[in-house]
Every structure is written in C-alpha cells, then in structure tokens.
Amino acid sequence: MSTTPNRIRRTHRVVDRLHAAAQDDQGSATAEYAVVILAAVAFAGVLVAVMRSGEVQTILTELVRGALAL
C-alpha cells in the first residue's frame, strides 16, 4: 500500500513539470515576429522585382497618365 501514494506523488511531480514546460513559451512571440518579418521582406523583394519589369512600368505609367488626363 505504501508504493501507491509514492507513485501518485511521482506522477503528480511529472505532470507538474510537464505542465510548467508547456506553459513556458517565453521567446515564442519573438520567433513569430521574426517569421512575419522574413515573409514581409521576401514579399517586398518579389514586389520590387515585379515593379522593375518593363511591362509593369508601362502599365503603371499608362494608368497614371490616364488618371491625370481625367
């Protein structure tokens, strides 16, 4: 009978440690911000490459000229 309370206490300690480890998410927000910033930089790079193409510049120039002519 004495082993059962000891097992229960050990089990509670293990569960408490696992719960504490699961609650310790310090730094996760920083990692999420880093991923979002990397994605934004990658998107900006693609956008710059598209905007530098001759076809897109022509389309945008015509769009601005048409808007200013109104």
PDB file of N, CA and C in Angstrom:
ATOM      1  N   MET A   1       0.802  -1.193   0.000  1.00  0.00           N
ATOM      2  CA  MET A   1       0.000   0.000   0.000  1.00  0.00           C
ATOM      3  C   MET A   1       0.850   1.265   0.000  1.00  0.00           C
ATOM      4  N   SER A   2       2.049   1.192   0.540  1.00  0.00           N
ATOM      5  CA  SER A   2       2.867   2.392   0.648  1.00  0.00           C
ATOM      6  C   SER A   2       3.407   2.827  -0.711  1.00  0.00           C
ATOM      7  N   THR A   3       3.491   1.910  -1.698  1.00  0.00           N
ATOM      8  CA  THR A   3       4.000   2.288  -3.005  1.00  0.00           C
ATOM      9  C   THR A   3       2.984   3.103  -3.793  1.00  0.00           C
ATOM     10  N   THR A   4       1.718   2.919  -3.553  1.00  0.00           N
ATOM     11  CA  THR A   4       0.700   3.653  -4.297  1.00  0.00           C
ATOM     12  C   THR A   4       0.770   5.160  -4.048  1.00  0.00           C
ATOM     13  N   PRO A   5       0.850   5.636  -2.804  1.00  0.00           N
ATOM     14  CA  PRO A   5       0.986   7.086  -2.594  1.00  0.00           C
ATOM     15  C   PRO A   5       2.270   7.643  -3.193  1.00  0.00           C
ATOM     16  N   ASN A   6       3.360   6.864  -3.144  1.00  0.00           N
ATOM     17  CA  ASN A   6       4.611   7.323  -3.748  1.00  0.00           C
ATOM     18  C   ASN A   6       4.470   7.457  -5.255  1.00  0.00           C
ATOM     19  N   ARG A   7       3.826   6.510  -5.884  1.00  0.00           N
ATOM     20  CA  ARG A   7       3.603   6.588  -7.335  1.00  0.00           C
ATOM     21  C   ARG A   7       2.736   7.787  -7.679  1.00  0.00           C
ATOM     22  N   ILE A   8       1.732   8.006  -6.870  1.00  0.00           N
ATOM     23  CA  ILE A   8       0.845   9.141  -7.123  1.00  0.00           C
ATOM     24  C   ILE A   8       1.627  10.448  -7.006  1.00  0.00           C
ATOM     25  N   ARG A   9       2.462  10.562  -5.980  1.00  0.00           N
ATOM     26  CA  ARG A   9       3.270  11.775  -5.810  1.00  0.00           C
ATOM     27  C   ARG A   9       4.233  11.965  -6.979  1.00  0.00           C
ATOM     28  N   ARG A  10       4.880  10.867  -7.397  1.00  0.00           N
ATOM     29  CA  ARG A  10       5.796  10.956  -8.541  1.00  0.00           C
ATOM     30  C   ARG A  10       5.056  11.354  -9.808  1.00  0.00           C
ATOM     31  N   THR A  11       3.888  10.765  -9.986  1.00  0.00           N
ATOM     32  CA  THR A  11       3.087  11.099 -11.162  1.00  0.00           C
ATOM     33  C   THR A  11       2.694  12.572 -11.138  1.00  0.00           C
ATOM     34  N   HIS A  12       2.303  13.068  -9.974  1.00  0.00           N
ATOM     35  CA  HIS A  12       1.946  14.481  -9.848  1.00  0.00           C
ATOM     36  C   HIS A  12       3.146  15.379 -10.141  1.00  0.00           C
ATOM     37  N   ARG A  13       4.317  14.992  -9.674  1.00  0.00           N
ATOM     38  CA  ARG A  13       5.510  15.787  -9.947  1.00  0.00           C
ATOM     39  C   ARG A  13       5.816  15.822 -11.441  1.00  0.00           C
ATOM     40  N   VAL A  14       5.700  14.677 -12.096  1.00  0.00           N
ATOM     41  CA  VAL A  14       5.961  14.621 -13.539  1.00  0.00           C
ATOM     42  C   VAL A  14       4.944  15.476 -14.286  1.00  0.00           C
ATOM     43  N   VAL A  15       3.689  15.352 -13.901  1.00  0.00           N
ATOM     44  CA  VAL A  15       2.640  16.143 -14.553  1.00  0.00           C
ATOM     45  C   VAL A  15       2.879  17.631 -14.309  1.00  0.00           C
ATOM     46  N   ASP A  16       3.264  17.991 -13.099  1.00  0.00           N
ATOM     47  CA  ASP A  16       3.553  19.394 -12.797  1.00  0.00           C
ATOM     48  C   ASP A  16       4.709  19.923 -13.637  1.00  0.00           C
ATOM     49  N   ARG A  17       5.761  19.101 -13.791  1.00  0.00           N
ATOM     50  CA  ARG A  17       6.897  19.524 -14.621  1.00  0.00           C
ATOM     51  C   ARG A  17       6.499  19.673 -16.085  1.00  0.00           C
ATOM     52  N   LEU A  18       5.713  18.728 -16.587  1.00  0.00           N
ATOM     53  CA  LEU A  18       5.256  18.820 -17.979  1.00  0.00           C
ATOM     54  C   LEU A  18       4.366  20.044 -18.181  1.00  0.00           C
ATOM     55  N   HIS A  19       3.510  20.299 -17.212  1.00  0.00           N
ATOM     56  CA  HIS A  19       2.637  21.470 -17.303  1.00  0.00           C
ATOM     57  C   HIS A  19       3.467  22.756 -17.301  1.00  0.00           C
ATOM     58  N   ALA A  20       4.470  22.823 -16.445  1.00  0.00           N
ATOM     59  CA  ALA A  20       5.338  24.003 -16.389  1.00  0.00           C
ATOM     60  C   ALA A  20       6.100  24.181 -17.698  1.00  0.00           C
ATOM     61  N   ALA A  21       6.567  23.082 -18.263  1.00  0.00           N
ATOM     62  CA  ALA A  21       7.295  23.167 -19.533  1.00  0.00           C
ATOM     63  C   ALA A  21       6.381  23.614 -20.658  1.00  0.00           C
ATOM     64  N   ALA A  22       5.148  23.161 -20.639  1.00  0.00           N
ATOM     65  CA  ALA A  22       4.202  23.543 -21.682  1.00  0.00           C
ATOM     66  C   ALA A  22       3.814  25.012 -21.561  1.00  0.00           C
ATOM     67  N   GLN A  23       3.808  25.540 -20.358  1.00  0.00           N
ATOM     68  CA  GLN A  23       3.435  26.935 -20.143  1.00  0.00           C
ATOM     69  C   GLN A  23       4.579  27.900 -20.425  1.00  0.00           C
ATOM     70  N   ASP A  24       5.790  27.398 -20.489  1.00  0.00           N
ATOM     71  CA  ASP A  24       6.957  28.247 -20.696  1.00  0.00           C
ATOM     72  C   ASP A  24       7.132  28.518 -22.183  1.00  0.00           C
ATOM     73  N   ASP A  25       6.477  29.553 -22.684  1.00  0.00           N
ATOM     74  CA  ASP A  25       6.579  29.888 -24.098  1.00  0.00           C
ATOM     75  C   ASP A  25       7.319  31.201 -24.304  1.00  0.00           C
ATOM     76  N   GLN A  26       8.211  31.504 -23.376  1.00  0.00           N
ATOM     77  CA  GLN A  26       8.990  32.726 -23.471  1.00  0.00           C
ATOM     78  C   GLN A  26       9.825  32.702 -24.742  1.00  0.00           C
ATOM     79  N   GLY A  27       9.761  33.767 -25.506  1.00  0.00           N
ATOM     80  CA  GLY A  27      10.515  33.864 -26.746  1.00  0.00           C
ATOM     81  C   GLY A  27       9.734  33.435 -27.966  1.00  0.00           C
ATOM     82  N   SER A  28       8.572  32.828 -27.792  1.00  0.00           N
ATOM     83  CA  SER A  28       7.815  32.386 -28.959  1.00  0.00           C
ATOM     84  C   SER A  28       7.268  33.572 -29.746  1.00  0.00           C
ATOM     85  N   ALA A  29       6.888  34.636 -29.066  1.00  0.00           N
ATOM     86  CA  ALA A  29       6.389  35.823 -29.770  1.00  0.00           C
ATOM     87  C   ALA A  29       7.494  36.430 -30.621  1.00  0.00           C
ATOM     88  N   THR A  30       8.710  36.444 -30.102  1.00  0.00           N
ATOM     89  CA  THR A  30       9.834  36.976 -30.862  1.00  0.00           C
ATOM     90  C   THR A  30      10.077  36.139 -32.110  1.00  0.00           C
ATOM     91  N   ALA A  31       9.993  34.835 -31.982  1.00  0.00           N
ATOM     92  CA  ALA A  31      10.178  33.954 -33.143  1.00  0.00           C
ATOM     93  C   ALA A  31       9.071  34.180 -34.168  1.00  0.00           C
ATOM     94  N   GLU A  32       7.843  34.374 -33.693  1.00  0.00           N
ATOM     95  CA  GLU A  32       6.738  34.626 -34.619  1.00  0.00           C
ATOM     96  C   GLU A  32       6.948  35.941 -35.360  1.00  0.00           C
ATOM     97  N   TYR A  33       7.399  36.976 -34.632  1.00  0.00           N
ATOM     98  CA  TYR A  33       7.682  38.252 -35.290  1.00  0.00           C
ATOM     99  C   TYR A  33       8.779  38.087 -36.334  1.00  0.00           C
ATOM    100  N   ALA A  34       9.788  37.307 -36.024  1.00  0.00           N
ATOM    101  CA  ALA A  34      10.883  37.094 -36.972  1.00  0.00           C
ATOM    102  C   ALA A  34      10.384  36.418 -38.245  1.00  0.00           C
ATOM    103  N   VAL A  35       9.513  35.446 -38.108  1.00  0.00           N
ATOM    104  CA  VAL A  35       8.963  34.754 -39.285  1.00  0.00           C
ATOM    105  C   VAL A  35       8.129  35.718 -40.118  1.00  0.00           C
ATOM    106  N   VAL A  36       7.327  36.535 -39.460  1.00  0.00           N
ATOM    107  CA  VAL A  36       6.489  37.503 -40.182  1.00  0.00           C
ATOM    108  C   VAL A  36       7.360  38.527 -40.900  1.00  0.00           C
ATOM    109  N   ILE A  37       8.420  38.988 -40.249  1.00  0.00           N
ATOM    110  CA  ILE A  37       9.316  39.963 -40.881  1.00  0.00           C
ATOM    111  C   ILE A  37      10.014  39.345 -42.085  1.00  0.00           C
ATOM    112  N   LEU A  38      10.467  38.097 -41.960  1.00  0.00           N
ATOM    113  CA  LEU A  38      11.102  37.424 -43.101  1.00  0.00           C
ATOM    114  C   LEU A  38      10.136  37.273 -44.269  1.00  0.00           C
ATOM    115  N   ALA A  39       8.888  36.930 -43.966  1.00  0.00           N
ATOM    116  CA  ALA A  39       7.888  36.801 -45.025  1.00  0.00           C
ATOM    117  C   ALA A  39       7.631  38.153 -45.685  1.00  0.00           C
ATOM    118  N   ALA A  40       7.564  39.213 -44.898  1.00  0.00           N
ATOM    119  CA  ALA A  40       7.340  40.551 -45.455  1.00  0.00           C
ATOM    120  C   ALA A  40       8.507  40.983 -46.336  1.00  0.00           C
ATOM    121  N   VAL A  41       9.716  40.684 -45.916  1.00  0.00           N
ATOM    122  CA  VAL A  41      10.895  41.040 -46.718  1.00  0.00           C
ATOM    123  C   VAL A  41      10.903  40.245 -48.030  1.00  0.00           C
ATOM    124  N   ALA A  42      10.562  38.974 -47.958  1.00  0.00           N
ATOM    125  CA  ALA A  42      10.504  38.164 -49.178  1.00  0.00           C
ATOM    126  C   ALA A  42       9.435  38.710 -50.133  1.00  0.00           C
ATOM    127  N   PHE A  43       8.271  39.064 -49.584  1.00  0.00           N
ATOM    128  CA  PHE A  43       7.209  39.627 -50.417  1.00  0.00           C
ATOM    129  C   PHE A  43       7.646  40.958 -51.033  1.00  0.00           C
ATOM    130  N   ALA A  44       8.327  41.786 -50.253  1.00  0.00           N
ATOM    131  CA  ALA A  44       8.820  43.068 -50.767  1.00  0.00           C
ATOM    132  C   ALA A  44       9.828  42.842 -51.898  1.00  0.00           C
ATOM    133  N   GLY A  45      10.675  41.835 -51.744  1.00  0.00           N
ATOM    134  CA  GLY A  45      11.632  41.533 -52.798  1.00  0.00           C
ATOM    135  C   GLY A  45      10.950  41.113 -54.092  1.00  0.00           C
ATOM    136  N   VAL A  46       9.938  40.294 -53.983  1.00  0.00           N
ATOM    137  CA  VAL A  46       9.182  39.888 -55.177  1.00  0.00           C
ATOM    138  C   VAL A  46       8.479  41.097 -55.787  1.00  0.00           C
ATOM    139  N   LEU A  47       7.906  41.931 -54.942  1.00  0.00           N
ATOM    140  CA  LEU A  47       7.209  43.121 -55.430  1.00  0.00           C
ATOM    141  C   LEU A  47       8.154  44.066 -56.158  1.00  0.00           C
ATOM    142  N   VAL A  48       9.358  44.250 -55.626  1.00  0.00           N
ATOM    143  CA  VAL A  48      10.351  45.105 -56.280  1.00  0.00           C
ATOM    144  C   VAL A  48      10.740  44.516 -57.633  1.00  0.00           C
ATOM    145  N   ALA A  49      10.935  43.214 -57.689  1.00  0.00           N
ATOM    146  CA  ALA A  49      11.297  42.576 -58.957  1.00  0.00           C
ATOM    147  C   ALA A  49      10.188  42.748 -59.990  1.00  0.00           C
ATOM    148  N   VAL A  50       8.958  42.624 -59.566  1.00  0.00           N
ATOM    149  CA  VAL A  50       7.829  42.796 -60.494  1.00  0.00           C
ATOM    150  C   VAL A  50       7.731  44.244 -60.942  1.00  0.00           C
ATOM    151  N   MET A  51       7.890  45.170 -60.010  1.00  0.00           N
ATOM    152  CA  MET A  51       7.749  46.588 -60.352  1.00  0.00           C
ATOM    153  C   MET A  51       8.856  47.067 -61.283  1.00  0.00           C
ATOM    154  N   ARG A  52       9.989  46.422 -61.271  1.00  0.00           N
ATOM    155  CA  ARG A  52      11.096  46.834 -62.133  1.00  0.00           C
ATOM    156  C   ARG A  52      10.960  46.300 -63.559  1.00  0.00           C
ATOM    157  N   SER A  53      10.045  45.386 -63.770  1.00  0.00           N
ATOM    158  CA  SER A  53       9.898  44.847 -65.121  1.00  0.00           C
ATOM    159  C   SER A  53       9.310  45.919 -66.042  1.00  0.00           C
ATOM    160  N   GLY A  54       9.721  45.894 -67.293  1.00  0.00           N
ATOM    161  CA  GLY A  54       9.294  46.907 -68.256  1.00  0.00           C
ATOM    162  C   GLY A  54       7.795  46.926 -68.490  1.00  0.00           C
ATOM    163  N   GLU A  55       7.186  45.751 -68.542  1.00  0.00           N
ATOM    164  CA  GLU A  55       5.745  45.676 -68.799  1.00  0.00           C
ATOM    165  C   GLU A  55       4.944  46.340 -67.684  1.00  0.00           C
ATOM    166  N   VAL A  56       5.327  46.066 -66.457  1.00  0.00           N
ATOM    167  CA  VAL A  56       4.600  46.640 -65.322  1.00  0.00           C
ATOM    168  C   VAL A  56       4.804  48.148 -65.278  1.00  0.00           C
ATOM    169  N   GLN A  57       6.009  48.624 -65.556  1.00  0.00           N
ATOM    170  CA  GLN A  57       6.249  50.061 -65.570  1.00  0.00           C
ATOM    171  C   GLN A  57       5.408  50.741 -66.647  1.00  0.00           C
ATOM    172  N   THR A  58       5.292  50.109 -67.794  1.00  0.00           N
ATOM    173  CA  THR A  58       4.472  50.673 -68.866  1.00  0.00           C
ATOM    174  C   THR A  58       3.008  50.732 -68.456  1.00  0.00           C
ATOM    175  N   ILE A  59       2.503  49.661 -67.883  1.00  0.00           N
ATOM    176  CA  ILE A  59       1.106  49.621 -67.443  1.00  0.00           C
ATOM    177  C   ILE A  59       0.849  50.695 -66.388  1.00  0.00           C
ATOM    178  N   LEU A  60       1.744  50.820 -65.419  1.00  0.00           N
ATOM    179  CA  LEU A  60       1.557  51.823 -64.369  1.00  0.00           C
ATOM    180  C   LEU A  60       1.647  53.241 -64.919  1.00  0.00           C
ATOM    181  N   THR A  61       2.558  53.469 -65.842  1.00  0.00           N
ATOM    182  CA  THR A  61       2.700  54.797 -66.453  1.00  0.00           C
ATOM    183  C   THR A  61       1.436  55.158 -67.196  1.00  0.00           C
ATOM    184  N   GLU A  62       0.897  54.222 -67.972  1.00  0.00           N
ATOM    185  CA  GLU A  62      -0.352  54.480 -68.706  1.00  0.00           C
ATOM    186  C   GLU A  62      -1.509  54.717 -67.748  1.00  0.00           C
ATOM    187  N   LEU A  63      -1.540  53.988 -66.654  1.00  0.00           N
ATOM    188  CA  LEU A  63      -2.596  54.152 -65.663  1.00  0.00           C
ATOM    189  C   LEU A  63      -2.545  55.543 -65.029  1.00  0.00           C
ATOM    190  N   VAL A  64      -1.341  55.992 -64.692  1.00  0.00           N
ATOM    191  CA  VAL A  64      -1.194  57.331 -64.102  1.00  0.00           C
ATOM    192  C   VAL A  64      -1.545  58.406 -65.113  1.00  0.00           C
ATOM    193  N   ARG A  65      -1.082  58.256 -66.327  1.00  0.00           N
ATOM    194  CA  ARG A  65      -1.394  59.251 -67.366  1.00  0.00           C
ATOM    195  C   ARG A  65      -2.891  59.328 -67.611  1.00  0.00           C
ATOM    196  N   GLY A  66      -3.528  58.158 -67.638  1.00  0.00           N
ATOM    197  CA  GLY A  66      -4.983  58.139 -67.838  1.00  0.00           C
ATOM    198  C   GLY A  66      -5.714  58.797 -66.679  1.00  0.00           C
ATOM    199  N   ALA A  67      -5.244  58.583 -65.470  1.00  0.00           N
ATOM    200  CA  ALA A  67      -5.882  59.192 -64.302  1.00  0.00           C
ATOM    201  C   ALA A  67      -5.674  60.699 -64.291  1.00  0.00           C
ATOM    202  N   LEU A  68      -4.491  61.158 -64.696  1.00  0.00           N
ATOM    203  CA  LEU A  68      -4.225  62.596 -64.729  1.00  0.00           C
ATOM    204  C   LEU A  68      -4.950  63.287 -65.872  1.00  0.00           C
ATOM    205  N   ALA A  69      -5.262  62.555 -66.929  1.00  0.00           N
ATOM    206  CA  ALA A  69      -5.958  63.158 -68.079  1.00  0.00           C
ATOM    207  C   ALA A  69      -7.428  63.414 -67.747  1.00  0.00           C
ATOM    208  N   LEU A  70      -7.975  62.751 -66.758  1.00  0.00           N
ATOM    209  CA  LEU A  70      -9.375  62.984 -66.399  1.00  0.00           C
ATOM    210  C   LEU A  70      -9.467  64.310 -65.773  1.00  0.00           C
TER     211      LEU A  70
END
